[in-house]
Amino acid sequence: MKWSTACPDWRERIVARESLVPFEPLFPDMAAEALGVFKSLQMTDLPMKRDGTWPRLGEVCEPFVFDLVSAMFGSQDPLTGESLIKEAMLLISKKNGKSLIAAGIMLTALTLNWRHGAELLVLAPTIEVANNCFGPAAKMVRADPELSTVLDVIDHTRTIRHLDNGAELKIVSADAGVVSGKKAGFVLIDELWQFGKKAGAESMLEEATGGQAARPEGFTLYLSTHSDEPPAGVFRTKLAHYRDVRDGIIEDPTCLPMLYEWPEELLEAEAYLDPDFYYVTNPNIGKSPTVGYIERKIKQAQSGEGTDGDTSLQIVLAKYLNVEIGMRLRRDRWSGTDLWLGTAEPEGLTLDQLLDRCEVAIVGFDMGGRDDLGGAGVVGREKGTGVWLGWGHAWAQRVALERRKQIAPVLQGFAADGDLTFTDSGEAIVTDMARIAVKVRDSGKMPADGGVAVDAWGIGPLVDALVQAGFDPGDEAMKRAGHIASMRQGVGLSSAIYTLEFKLGDGMFRHDGSNMMAWCVSNALVKLRGSALYVDKETSGAGKIDPFVALLNAVKRMEEGPVAANGNELVYETRAMVVI
């Protein structure tokens, strides 16, 4: 049997409100049986009908839900019992009934399960999310007298037991740390984006789904909205895989992507702010949520009056419109943050490409403690155009993964991109930094003096590595310039902050477009001291900014109009100069 879960025309389908499941159920009879069970489940959150029953899922759910149920349960071969579709991901905006869908699908699996003593598992990131799933499931059982005779609800353990075959549906939270030893065949992972922020989440999910190797009838279903920060950890990994399957880049018919997200052209046009397009990531629009509800959430966030955690436009867009966040748009952010993503080079930018295109280049470095990041930022001035180009890289000692567990998945994602290097020592970091400085110097694009811009404080180990690599630190007492320029931090970088923002706004600064630097830029919180604006590392807290500070060091030196050591021409010999 051959089938494909790829949906390369998803953009047209999602705008036309068509199904994102590109195939019919592999075994229609199995799909019909599961739909019969699913549709019969009652929803007690709605008013009771005149006949004394509650509205059933078959009456209240939208077609996309039935498509998912049919595809998953309809993939089980009735002769072998094996499910041919092993995994699925439903990425959908908040308030579209994820908890209801989770409860209905897992109760359907428990009802149809044929394995005696089977384990079925819903894994939630927190106890609150676990309760949100268990509540509807328990109510569905208790609302149906027939179902109550075969299923027993055990509230204190969030368990529903099948009385005939002893199978159990358990709804647990990652907070409780009770995933080890599970042998579940059917697994539902709720709010996958929150697992992306948890250190060790990949191992946890492996443990939760490991029982399926001996239970081929099972499957794993991932439910999630978009993250309120750039996707990280296991969420980022899974999302990338499902997107590639959907787009036909990866052929994996065992995975079903059902991703309600924005086509690129609609994102560029900011169509997500148009109420007429809210339906794109809200297939349940009109029932829950309503257009008016989302409009109110956006207005509250824009005016700073958001409630229930919806305190910023970023969070509202992620939760209710499934807009993937690339920057953390906070009130005290640096103004240039709003311009950053739009000024990336479309095809990216490597250090080699920067050096090839530029007439002069400055290397900036910044370092913190053992659990901080080390950062490099190279800024070059492009030949002919005068546009400044920026490239960055980060380092972290592995101890940071233990001490900074909150951001560990984020850092691991940057390492997978190739924009961050993990090391076992600080010595390895400064050695790598020196290699980058040597590369720029050997390209002939570094100025004779001050081509390496570093923090004026706490730079001993880095200066040692640079000196060993042949860089002259100069002699401040003798007022002799060297290759290494000490840059005053805090308000000393005020002009660099303004210069960079100005050039971003005019399209005169382009950068490599890395997720790492975008994260650092979005973490940069600014303060005003007198008339001087400065980036405050202490206020930025867990959100690291060292590579961005390294970039500012290079910008500060570039403000002085340096020329490369291999050429004698002044900047204005190749570009126009106005004389007044």
Protein backbone atom coordinates (compact mmCIF):
# COMPACT_ATOMS: atom_id res chain seq x y z
CA MET A 1 0.00 0.00 0.00
CA LYS A 2 1.36 3.43 -1.01
CA TRP A 3 0.27 6.81 0.28
CA SER A 4 1.78 10.20 0.98
CA THR A 5 1.15 12.65 3.80
CA ALA A 6 2.85 15.48 1.89
CA CYS A 7 0.61 18.45 1.17
CA PRO A 8 2.62 20.80 -1.08
CA ASP A 9 -0.49 22.84 -1.93
CA TRP A 10 -1.23 23.56 1.74
CA ARG A 11 -1.06 27.32 1.18
CA GLU A 12 -3.95 27.25 -1.28
CA ARG A 13 -5.87 24.73 0.83
CA ILE A 14 -5.58 26.69 4.08
CA VAL A 15 -6.75 29.94 2.48
CA ALA A 16 -9.65 28.13 0.77
CA ARG A 17 -10.59 26.43 4.07
CA GLU A 18 -10.00 23.00 2.59
CA SER A 19 -8.72 19.90 4.35
CA LEU A 20 -5.02 19.69 5.19
CA VAL A 21 -5.18 15.89 5.08
CA PRO A 22 -4.28 15.07 1.46
CA PHE A 23 -5.50 11.44 1.37
CA GLU A 24 -8.54 9.33 2.15
CA PRO A 25 -8.45 6.96 5.17
CA LEU A 26 -6.26 3.96 4.38
CA PHE A 27 -8.83 1.61 5.92
CA PRO A 28 -12.25 3.30 5.63
CA ASP A 29 -14.07 0.83 7.88
CA MET A 30 -11.64 1.46 10.74
CA ALA A 31 -12.03 5.20 10.24
CA ALA A 32 -15.83 4.93 10.27
CA GLU A 33 -15.81 2.92 13.50
CA ALA A 34 -13.58 5.44 15.24
CA LEU A 35 -15.65 8.38 13.98
CA GLY A 36 -18.76 6.69 15.34
CA VAL A 37 -17.25 6.55 18.82
CA PHE A 38 -15.71 10.01 18.66
CA LYS A 39 -18.84 11.71 17.38
CA SER A 40 -21.00 10.08 20.07
CA LEU A 41 -19.04 11.65 22.96
CA GLN A 42 -20.98 14.37 24.76
CA MET A 43 -19.75 17.87 25.54
CA THR A 44 -21.09 19.07 28.89
CA ASP A 45 -19.75 22.63 28.57
CA LEU A 46 -22.70 23.45 26.30
CA PRO A 47 -26.39 23.71 27.30
CA MET A 48 -28.22 20.39 27.68
CA LYS A 49 -30.63 19.45 24.93
CA ARG A 50 -34.35 18.86 25.46
CA ASP A 51 -33.90 15.10 25.35
CA GLY A 52 -31.69 15.24 28.44
CA THR A 53 -28.41 14.66 26.59
CA TRP A 54 -25.60 17.04 25.86
CA PRO A 55 -24.47 18.12 22.40
CA ARG A 56 -22.22 15.46 20.88
CA LEU A 57 -18.84 16.02 19.28
CA GLY A 58 -20.34 15.03 15.95
CA GLU A 59 -22.64 18.05 16.25
CA VAL A 60 -20.16 20.67 17.45
CA CYS A 61 -16.77 19.86 15.89
CA GLU A 62 -15.58 21.29 12.59
CA PRO A 63 -14.56 19.00 9.69
CA PHE A 64 -10.82 19.37 10.37
CA VAL A 65 -11.28 17.39 13.59
CA PHE A 66 -12.99 14.53 11.79
CA ASP A 67 -10.24 14.58 9.15
CA LEU A 68 -7.66 14.05 11.87
CA VAL A 69 -9.61 11.28 13.61
CA SER A 70 -10.27 9.47 10.31
CA ALA A 71 -6.64 9.67 9.20
CA MET A 72 -5.19 8.42 12.48
CA PHE A 73 -7.58 5.62 13.37
CA GLY A 74 -8.18 4.82 9.71
CA SER A 75 -4.51 3.89 9.31
CA GLN A 76 -4.81 0.77 11.49
CA ASP A 77 -4.65 -2.40 9.39
CA PRO A 78 -7.52 -4.63 10.58
CA LEU A 79 -5.57 -7.78 9.66
CA THR A 80 -2.36 -6.99 11.55
CA GLY A 81 -3.55 -4.39 14.05
CA GLU A 82 -0.66 -2.13 13.09
CA SER A 83 -1.17 1.62 12.67
CA LEU A 84 0.60 2.70 9.50
CA ILE A 85 0.62 6.36 10.53
CA LYS A 86 2.74 6.47 13.66
CA GLU A 87 2.79 10.20 14.42
CA ALA A 88 0.79 13.36 13.75
CA MET A 89 1.10 17.00 14.73
CA LEU A 90 -1.82 19.40 15.02
CA LEU A 91 -0.50 22.97 15.21
CA ILE A 92 -3.43 25.27 15.83
CA SER A 93 -4.29 28.55 17.55
CA LYS A 94 -5.50 28.70 21.12
CA LYS A 95 -9.23 28.36 21.88
CA ASN A 96 -9.83 26.00 18.95
CA GLY A 97 -10.70 23.08 21.23
CA LYS A 98 -7.31 21.38 21.68
CA SER A 99 -8.25 20.01 25.10
CA LEU A 100 -11.57 18.77 23.74
CA ILE A 101 -9.85 17.12 20.78
CA ALA A 102 -7.29 15.50 23.05
CA ALA A 103 -9.96 14.13 25.38
CA GLY A 104 -12.11 12.83 22.52
CA ILE A 105 -9.30 11.14 20.61
CA MET A 106 -7.83 9.42 23.67
CA LEU A 107 -11.24 8.23 24.89
CA THR A 108 -11.88 6.85 21.40
CA ALA A 109 -8.55 5.03 21.53
CA LEU A 110 -9.36 3.64 25.01
CA THR A 111 -12.80 2.45 23.87
CA LEU A 112 -11.52 0.74 20.70
CA ASN A 113 -8.31 -0.65 22.23
CA TRP A 114 -8.11 -4.46 22.07
CA ARG A 115 -4.96 -5.01 24.14
CA HIS A 116 -5.59 -6.19 27.70
CA GLY A 117 -3.91 -4.06 30.35
CA ALA A 118 -2.84 -1.47 27.77
CA GLU A 119 -1.51 1.92 28.82
CA LEU A 120 -2.63 5.09 27.09
CA LEU A 121 -0.90 8.32 28.02
CA VAL A 122 -1.54 12.04 27.79
CA LEU A 123 1.64 13.92 28.72
CA ALA A 124 1.21 17.60 29.55
CA PRO A 125 3.98 20.08 30.40
CA THR A 126 2.30 21.27 33.61
CA ILE A 127 -0.33 20.09 36.08
CA GLU A 128 -2.64 22.88 34.89
CA VAL A 129 -2.52 21.66 31.28
CA ALA A 130 -3.01 18.06 32.47
CA ASN A 131 -6.14 19.07 34.37
CA ASN A 132 -7.43 20.92 31.31
CA CYS A 133 -7.36 17.63 29.39
CA PHE A 134 -8.57 15.31 32.17
CA GLY A 135 -11.60 17.49 33.00
CA PRO A 136 -13.31 17.20 29.60
CA ALA A 137 -12.48 13.48 29.34
CA ALA A 138 -14.00 12.72 32.76
CA LYS A 139 -17.11 14.74 31.95
CA MET A 140 -17.58 12.89 28.65
CA VAL A 141 -17.57 9.56 30.45
CA ARG A 142 -19.96 10.66 33.19
CA ALA A 143 -22.37 12.26 30.73
CA ASP A 144 -22.95 8.96 28.92
CA PRO A 145 -24.69 6.20 30.96
CA GLU A 146 -23.58 3.54 28.50
CA LEU A 147 -19.97 4.68 28.53
CA SER A 148 -19.99 4.85 32.33
CA THR A 149 -20.69 1.12 32.54
CA VAL A 150 -17.36 0.26 30.86
CA LEU A 151 -15.13 3.19 31.85
CA ASP A 152 -14.30 4.14 35.44
CA VAL A 153 -13.03 7.65 36.25
CA ILE A 154 -10.44 7.85 39.04
CA ASP A 155 -10.11 11.54 39.81
CA HIS A 156 -7.23 11.63 42.28
CA THR A 157 -4.84 9.93 39.84
CA ARG A 158 -6.30 11.47 36.65
CA THR A 159 -6.92 7.95 35.32
CA ILE A 160 -9.76 6.41 33.30
CA ARG A 161 -9.87 2.60 33.40
CA HIS A 162 -11.58 0.25 30.97
CA LEU A 163 -13.44 -2.24 33.18
CA ASP A 164 -13.54 -5.05 30.61
CA ASN A 165 -9.89 -5.30 29.58
CA GLY A 166 -8.10 -3.34 32.30
CA ALA A 167 -6.64 -0.76 29.91
CA GLU A 168 -5.93 2.64 31.47
CA LEU A 169 -5.75 6.16 30.14
CA LYS A 170 -3.45 8.21 32.36
CA ILE A 171 -3.09 11.95 32.13
CA VAL A 172 0.17 13.08 33.72
CA SER A 173 2.29 16.22 33.85
CA ALA A 174 5.98 16.54 33.20
CA ASP A 175 6.20 18.49 36.47
CA ALA A 176 5.38 15.32 38.39
CA GLY A 177 8.35 13.46 36.89
CA VAL A 178 6.43 10.19 36.46
CA VAL A 179 7.16 9.45 32.80
CA SER A 180 9.83 6.81 33.37
CA GLY A 181 8.69 3.23 33.02
CA LYS A 182 5.60 4.00 30.94
CA LYS A 183 4.71 1.40 28.30
CA ALA A 184 2.04 3.34 26.46
CA GLY A 185 0.88 2.43 22.97
CA PHE A 186 -1.23 5.53 22.37
CA VAL A 187 0.45 8.79 23.43
CA LEU A 188 -0.73 12.37 23.19
CA ILE A 189 1.74 15.19 23.90
CA ASP A 190 -0.09 18.41 24.75
CA GLU A 191 1.38 21.91 24.24
CA LEU A 192 4.60 20.72 22.65
CA TRP A 193 5.93 24.30 22.53
CA GLN A 194 6.23 24.32 26.32
CA PHE A 195 8.31 21.13 26.22
CA GLY A 196 10.63 23.02 23.88
CA LYS A 197 11.56 25.23 26.83
CA LYS A 198 12.29 22.32 29.15
CA ALA A 199 15.80 20.94 29.53
CA GLY A 200 15.85 17.18 28.90
CA ALA A 201 12.46 17.22 27.14
CA GLU A 202 13.70 15.09 24.23
CA SER A 203 14.69 12.28 26.60
CA MET A 204 11.36 12.62 28.39
CA LEU A 205 9.39 12.21 25.17
CA GLU A 206 11.56 9.27 24.12
CA GLU A 207 10.72 7.62 27.44
CA ALA A 208 7.01 8.36 27.01
CA THR A 209 6.81 6.91 23.49
CA GLY A 210 9.30 4.06 23.90
CA GLY A 211 6.57 1.49 24.57
CA GLN A 212 5.25 1.78 21.02
CA ALA A 213 8.08 -0.41 19.71
CA ALA A 214 6.21 -3.43 21.09
CA ARG A 215 2.72 -2.01 20.54
CA PRO A 216 2.39 -1.37 16.80
CA GLU A 217 -1.29 -0.48 17.07
CA GLY A 218 -0.43 2.78 18.79
CA PHE A 219 0.43 6.26 17.62
CA THR A 220 1.71 9.59 18.98
CA LEU A 221 -0.21 12.82 18.51
CA TYR A 222 1.44 16.19 19.19
CA LEU A 223 -0.81 19.17 19.90
CA SER A 224 0.52 22.72 20.12
CA THR A 225 0.12 26.39 19.44
CA HIS A 226 3.14 28.42 18.41
CA SER A 227 5.63 29.39 21.08
CA ASP A 228 5.67 32.92 22.51
CA GLU A 229 9.42 32.97 21.79
CA PRO A 230 11.44 31.68 18.84
CA PRO A 231 10.78 27.90 18.62
CA ALA A 232 13.34 25.97 20.64
CA GLY A 233 14.32 22.48 21.71
CA VAL A 234 12.17 19.50 20.84
CA PHE A 235 9.36 21.75 19.56
CA ARG A 236 11.65 23.34 17.03
CA THR A 237 13.02 19.95 15.93
CA LYS A 238 9.59 18.36 15.52
CA LEU A 239 8.11 21.41 13.79
CA ALA A 240 10.93 21.48 11.25
CA HIS A 241 10.46 17.78 10.48
CA TYR A 242 6.69 18.05 10.04
CA ARG A 243 7.07 21.10 7.81
CA ASP A 244 9.52 19.24 5.60
CA VAL A 245 7.13 16.27 5.40
CA ARG A 246 4.25 18.59 4.52
CA ASP A 247 6.29 20.36 1.84
CA GLY A 248 7.50 17.09 0.31
CA ILE A 249 11.13 17.73 1.20
CA ILE A 250 11.21 14.63 3.40
CA GLU A 251 9.28 11.52 2.40
CA ASP A 252 7.82 10.08 5.59
CA PRO A 253 4.31 8.67 5.19
CA THR A 254 4.27 7.55 8.83
CA CYS A 255 4.03 11.22 9.93
CA LEU A 256 0.93 13.35 9.35
CA PRO A 257 1.41 17.15 9.47
CA MET A 258 -1.70 19.23 10.15
CA LEU A 259 -0.17 22.66 10.60
CA TYR A 260 -2.44 25.68 10.70
CA GLU A 261 0.08 28.44 10.03
CA TRP A 262 0.48 31.39 7.73
CA PRO A 263 1.67 31.21 4.12
CA GLU A 264 4.72 33.40 3.68
CA GLU A 265 2.98 35.98 1.51
CA LEU A 266 0.27 36.52 4.13
CA LEU A 267 2.90 36.90 6.84
CA GLU A 268 4.73 39.50 4.77
CA ALA A 269 1.47 41.41 4.28
CA GLU A 270 0.67 41.11 8.02
CA ALA A 271 -2.67 39.58 7.07
CA TYR A 272 -2.89 38.11 10.55
CA LEU A 273 -3.94 41.57 11.74
CA ASP A 274 -6.92 41.56 9.35
CA PRO A 275 -10.02 40.03 10.99
CA ASP A 276 -11.08 38.65 7.60
CA PHE A 277 -8.07 36.30 7.75
CA TYR A 278 -8.30 35.13 11.36
CA TYR A 279 -9.78 31.87 10.10
CA VAL A 280 -6.44 30.81 8.55
CA THR A 281 -5.10 29.47 11.84
CA ASN A 282 -8.48 29.30 13.58
CA PRO A 283 -10.55 26.67 11.73
CA ASN A 284 -13.04 26.79 14.59
CA ILE A 285 -13.55 30.55 14.23
CA GLY A 286 -17.05 31.77 15.04
CA LYS A 287 -17.60 29.09 17.69
CA SER A 288 -14.44 29.42 19.72
CA PRO A 289 -12.80 31.81 19.38
CA THR A 290 -14.84 34.62 17.83
CA VAL A 291 -13.42 37.40 15.71
CA GLY A 292 -14.40 39.93 18.36
CA TYR A 293 -12.56 37.99 21.06
CA ILE A 294 -9.29 38.04 19.12
CA GLU A 295 -9.71 41.72 18.24
CA ARG A 296 -10.12 42.56 21.94
CA LYS A 297 -7.02 40.56 22.84
CA ILE A 298 -4.94 42.43 20.26
CA LYS A 299 -6.21 45.85 21.36
CA GLN A 300 -5.57 45.05 25.02
CA ALA A 301 -2.02 43.95 24.25
CA GLN A 302 -1.32 47.03 22.14
CA SER A 303 -2.52 49.32 24.94
CA GLY A 304 -0.65 47.43 27.65
CA GLU A 305 -3.88 46.21 29.29
CA GLY A 306 -3.55 42.51 28.56
CA THR A 307 -4.69 39.99 31.17
CA ASP A 308 -4.23 36.29 31.96
CA GLY A 309 -0.65 36.31 30.71
CA ASP A 310 -1.57 37.96 27.39
CA THR A 311 0.53 40.97 28.24
CA SER A 312 2.24 41.65 24.93
CA LEU A 313 1.33 41.68 21.27
CA GLN A 314 3.91 38.95 20.73
CA ILE A 315 2.15 36.56 23.10
CA VAL A 316 -1.30 37.32 21.69
CA LEU A 317 -0.13 36.77 18.11
CA ALA A 318 1.50 33.47 19.09
CA LYS A 319 -1.43 32.17 21.09
CA TYR A 320 -4.46 33.29 19.12
CA LEU A 321 -3.14 33.67 15.57
CA ASN A 322 -0.30 31.13 15.51
CA VAL A 323 2.26 33.68 14.32
CA GLU A 324 5.74 32.28 14.76
CA ILE A 325 7.77 34.70 16.81
CA GLY A 326 11.26 35.59 15.71
CA MET A 327 11.84 38.48 18.11
CA ARG A 328 10.75 39.21 21.69
CA LEU A 329 8.94 42.50 21.22
CA ARG A 330 8.97 44.02 24.72
CA ARG A 331 8.25 47.60 25.74
CA ASP A 332 11.77 48.35 26.97
CA ARG A 333 13.39 46.78 23.93
CA TRP A 334 15.94 48.51 21.75
CA SER A 335 14.09 50.30 18.95
CA GLY A 336 16.27 48.64 16.32
CA THR A 337 14.71 45.30 17.28
CA ASP A 338 11.66 46.13 15.17
CA LEU A 339 13.90 46.51 12.11
CA TRP A 340 16.22 43.57 12.63
CA LEU A 341 14.42 40.69 10.93
CA GLY A 342 13.66 42.76 7.84
CA THR A 343 17.32 43.61 7.22
CA ALA A 344 18.75 40.10 6.93
CA GLU A 345 20.50 39.06 3.74
CA PRO A 346 17.95 36.85 1.91
CA GLU A 347 20.45 34.04 1.31
CA GLY A 348 22.29 34.45 4.60
CA LEU A 349 25.84 35.70 4.99
CA THR A 350 28.95 33.76 5.94
CA LEU A 351 32.13 35.32 7.27
CA ASP A 352 33.93 34.41 4.05
CA GLN A 353 31.25 36.17 2.00
CA LEU A 354 31.46 39.26 4.18
CA LEU A 355 35.23 39.48 3.79
CA ASP A 356 34.95 38.99 0.04
CA ARG A 357 32.40 41.79 -0.36
CA CYS A 358 33.94 44.35 2.00
CA GLU A 359 36.84 46.80 1.72
CA VAL A 360 37.47 46.86 5.49
CA ALA A 361 36.29 44.78 8.45
CA ILE A 362 36.38 45.10 12.24
CA VAL A 363 36.13 42.21 14.71
CA GLY A 364 34.30 42.80 17.99
CA PHE A 365 34.38 40.43 20.98
CA ASP A 366 32.54 40.22 24.27
CA MET A 367 32.83 37.67 27.07
CA GLY A 368 31.09 36.86 30.33
CA GLY A 369 31.50 34.28 33.08
CA ARG A 370 31.66 30.50 32.77
CA ASP A 371 27.90 30.17 32.35
CA ASP A 372 27.57 33.17 30.04
CA LEU A 373 28.01 33.41 26.30
CA GLY A 374 31.09 34.54 24.48
CA GLY A 375 30.33 36.54 21.38
CA ALA A 376 31.99 37.65 18.17
CA GLY A 377 30.63 40.28 15.82
CA VAL A 378 32.30 41.20 12.55
CA VAL A 379 31.24 44.40 10.79
CA GLY A 380 32.47 45.22 7.30
CA ARG A 381 31.97 48.10 4.88
CA GLU A 382 30.92 46.87 1.45
CA LYS A 383 32.91 47.93 -1.60
CA GLY A 384 31.14 50.41 -3.81
CA THR A 385 27.89 50.70 -1.82
CA GLY A 386 29.17 51.64 1.65
CA VAL A 387 26.57 49.29 3.18
CA TRP A 388 27.71 47.81 6.48
CA LEU A 389 27.50 44.01 6.73
CA GLY A 390 27.34 42.11 10.01
CA TRP A 391 28.12 38.50 10.98
CA GLY A 392 28.06 36.92 14.43
CA HIS A 393 28.94 33.77 16.34
CA ALA A 394 28.52 32.64 19.94
CA TRP A 395 30.26 30.25 22.32
CA ALA A 396 29.13 28.63 25.54
CA GLN A 397 30.86 26.33 27.97
CA ARG A 398 28.88 23.15 28.54
CA VAL A 399 28.46 24.06 32.19
CA ALA A 400 25.97 26.68 30.98
CA LEU A 401 23.56 23.89 30.01
CA GLU A 402 23.34 22.89 33.66
CA ARG A 403 23.37 26.35 35.20
CA ARG A 404 21.10 27.96 32.60
CA LYS A 405 18.51 25.21 32.13
CA GLN A 406 15.86 27.74 31.22
CA ILE A 407 17.64 28.62 27.97
CA ALA A 408 19.50 25.34 27.39
CA PRO A 409 17.14 24.15 24.59
CA VAL A 410 17.51 27.55 22.89
CA LEU A 411 21.30 27.35 22.95
CA GLN A 412 21.25 23.78 21.65
CA GLY A 413 19.11 24.96 18.74
CA PHE A 414 21.64 27.66 17.86
CA ALA A 415 24.40 25.05 17.98
CA ALA A 416 22.43 22.89 15.55
CA ASP A 417 22.24 25.93 13.23
CA GLY A 418 26.02 26.27 13.36
CA ASP A 419 25.87 29.69 15.02
CA LEU A 420 27.00 28.62 18.49
CA THR A 421 29.88 26.40 19.59
CA PHE A 422 29.92 24.49 22.88
CA THR A 423 33.30 24.07 24.56
CA ASP A 424 34.67 22.46 27.71
CA SER A 425 36.72 25.48 28.78
CA GLY A 426 37.05 29.23 28.53
CA GLU A 427 40.50 28.72 27.00
CA ALA A 428 38.87 26.97 24.04
CA ILE A 429 36.57 29.96 23.53
CA VAL A 430 39.31 32.61 23.46
CA THR A 431 41.40 30.38 21.18
CA ASP A 432 38.49 30.19 18.72
CA MET A 433 38.01 33.95 18.96
CA ALA A 434 41.67 34.52 18.16
CA ARG A 435 41.30 32.28 15.08
CA ILE A 436 38.48 34.47 13.79
CA ALA A 437 40.57 37.60 14.35
CA VAL A 438 43.46 35.98 12.46
CA LYS A 439 41.13 35.09 9.59
CA VAL A 440 39.99 38.69 9.23
CA ARG A 441 43.57 39.98 9.52
CA ASP A 442 44.88 37.52 6.96
CA SER A 443 42.16 38.56 4.50
CA GLY A 444 43.86 41.95 4.32
CA LYS A 445 40.65 43.72 5.34
CA MET A 446 41.60 44.61 8.91
CA PRO A 447 42.92 48.12 9.71
CA ALA A 448 46.52 48.45 10.84
CA ASP A 449 45.38 49.80 14.21
CA GLY A 450 42.28 48.96 16.25
CA GLY A 451 41.00 46.16 14.05
CA VAL A 452 39.93 44.11 17.08
CA ALA A 453 37.43 45.86 19.37
CA VAL A 454 37.00 44.38 22.84
CA ASP A 455 35.48 45.21 26.22
CA ALA A 456 37.86 47.48 28.13
CA TRP A 457 37.28 45.42 31.30
CA GLY A 458 37.86 41.76 32.02
CA ILE A 459 39.64 40.98 28.77
CA GLY A 460 42.85 39.37 30.12
CA PRO A 461 42.46 35.80 28.79
CA LEU A 462 41.23 37.06 25.42
CA VAL A 463 44.09 39.55 25.08
CA ASP A 464 46.57 36.78 25.94
CA ALA A 465 45.14 34.61 23.15
CA LEU A 466 45.25 37.51 20.70
CA VAL A 467 48.85 38.37 21.61
CA GLN A 468 49.85 34.73 21.11
CA ALA A 469 48.21 34.96 17.67
CA GLY A 470 50.46 37.94 16.80
CA PHE A 471 48.22 40.90 17.67
CA ASP A 472 49.85 43.96 19.23
CA PRO A 473 47.89 45.29 22.25
CA GLY A 474 49.58 48.67 21.97
CA ASP A 475 50.84 50.75 24.89
CA GLU A 476 48.35 53.09 26.49
CA ALA A 477 51.00 54.74 28.69
CA MET A 478 53.13 55.54 25.63
CA LYS A 479 50.02 56.45 23.65
CA ARG A 480 50.96 53.89 21.03
CA ALA A 481 48.02 52.34 19.17
CA GLY A 482 47.94 48.61 18.57
CA HIS A 483 45.78 46.07 16.83
CA ILE A 484 43.47 45.79 19.87
CA ALA A 485 41.10 48.64 20.73
CA SER A 486 39.55 48.76 24.21
CA MET A 487 35.92 49.81 23.98
CA ARG A 488 34.20 51.51 26.89
CA GLN A 489 30.94 49.69 27.71
CA GLY A 490 27.55 50.96 28.89
CA VAL A 491 27.07 54.56 27.84
CA GLY A 492 30.36 54.27 25.97
CA LEU A 493 28.46 52.32 23.29
CA SER A 494 25.60 54.81 23.13
CA SER A 495 26.61 56.19 19.74
CA ALA A 496 26.96 52.66 18.37
CA ILE A 497 23.38 51.88 19.41
CA TYR A 498 22.06 54.97 17.64
CA THR A 499 24.28 54.42 14.58
CA LEU A 500 23.16 50.82 14.14
CA GLU A 501 19.48 51.72 14.48
CA PHE A 502 19.89 54.56 11.96
CA LYS A 503 21.59 52.31 9.42
CA LEU A 504 19.03 49.52 9.89
CA GLY A 505 16.24 52.00 9.20
CA ASP A 506 17.94 53.22 6.03
CA GLY A 507 18.81 49.77 4.78
CA MET A 508 22.51 50.51 5.18
CA PHE A 509 23.19 47.65 7.58
CA ARG A 510 22.59 44.05 6.48
CA HIS A 511 23.32 40.96 8.54
CA ASP A 512 23.56 37.17 8.40
CA GLY A 513 19.98 36.55 9.56
CA SER A 514 20.93 33.99 12.20
CA ASN A 515 18.37 32.95 14.82
CA MET A 516 21.11 33.30 17.41
CA MET A 517 21.74 37.00 16.80
CA ALA A 518 18.02 37.71 16.40
CA TRP A 519 17.49 36.21 19.86
CA CYS A 520 20.31 38.27 21.36
CA VAL A 521 19.02 41.46 19.73
CA SER A 522 15.52 40.81 21.06
CA ASN A 523 16.96 40.30 24.55
CA ALA A 524 18.62 43.72 24.53
CA LEU A 525 16.86 45.99 27.00
CA VAL A 526 17.83 49.64 26.95
CA LYS A 527 18.03 52.36 29.57
CA LEU A 528 18.53 56.09 29.36
CA ARG A 529 21.20 57.84 31.44
CA GLY A 530 20.95 61.56 30.81
CA SER A 531 20.82 61.76 27.02
CA ALA A 532 22.82 58.55 26.56
CA LEU A 533 21.10 55.30 25.65
CA TYR A 534 22.77 52.07 26.73
CA VAL A 535 22.12 48.34 26.73
CA ASP A 536 21.85 46.98 30.24
CA LYS A 537 23.20 43.45 30.63
CA GLU A 538 21.88 43.09 34.17
CA THR A 539 18.30 43.96 33.19
CA SER A 540 18.44 41.61 30.21
CA GLY A 541 18.86 38.76 32.73
CA ALA A 542 18.61 35.20 31.43
CA GLY A 543 18.26 36.47 27.87
CA LYS A 544 21.89 36.69 26.79
CA ILE A 545 23.16 39.58 24.65
CA ASP A 546 26.95 39.03 24.53
CA PRO A 547 27.17 38.48 20.73
CA PHE A 548 25.10 41.64 20.21
CA VAL A 549 27.45 43.61 22.47
CA ALA A 550 30.37 42.21 20.46
CA LEU A 551 28.67 43.54 17.33
CA LEU A 552 28.24 46.96 18.96
CA ASN A 553 31.94 47.01 19.80
CA ALA A 554 32.70 46.52 16.10
CA VAL A 555 30.14 49.16 15.10
CA LYS A 556 31.70 51.66 17.51
CA ARG A 557 35.11 51.21 15.88
CA MET A 558 33.62 51.29 12.38
CA GLU A 559 32.12 54.72 13.15
CA GLU A 560 35.64 56.10 12.92
CA GLY A 561 35.86 55.32 9.19
CA PRO A 562 38.83 52.90 9.23
CA VAL A 563 40.63 51.68 6.14
CA ALA A 564 42.20 48.29 5.57
CA ALA A 565 45.90 47.82 6.27
CA ASN A 566 46.51 46.57 2.73
CA GLY A 567 45.36 49.81 1.11
CA ASN A 568 46.29 53.46 1.44
CA GLU A 569 43.13 54.96 0.02
CA LEU A 570 40.80 56.99 2.23
CA VAL A 571 37.15 56.10 2.52
CA TYR A 572 36.09 59.05 0.43
CA GLU A 573 38.47 58.36 -2.45
CA THR A 574 35.97 55.76 -3.73
CA ARG A 575 32.77 57.44 -2.51
CA ALA A 576 31.45 60.97 -2.87
CA MET A 577 32.25 63.63 -0.26
CA VAL A 578 30.35 66.86 0.17
CA VAL A 579 32.52 69.91 0.94
CA ILE A 580 30.78 72.87 2.54
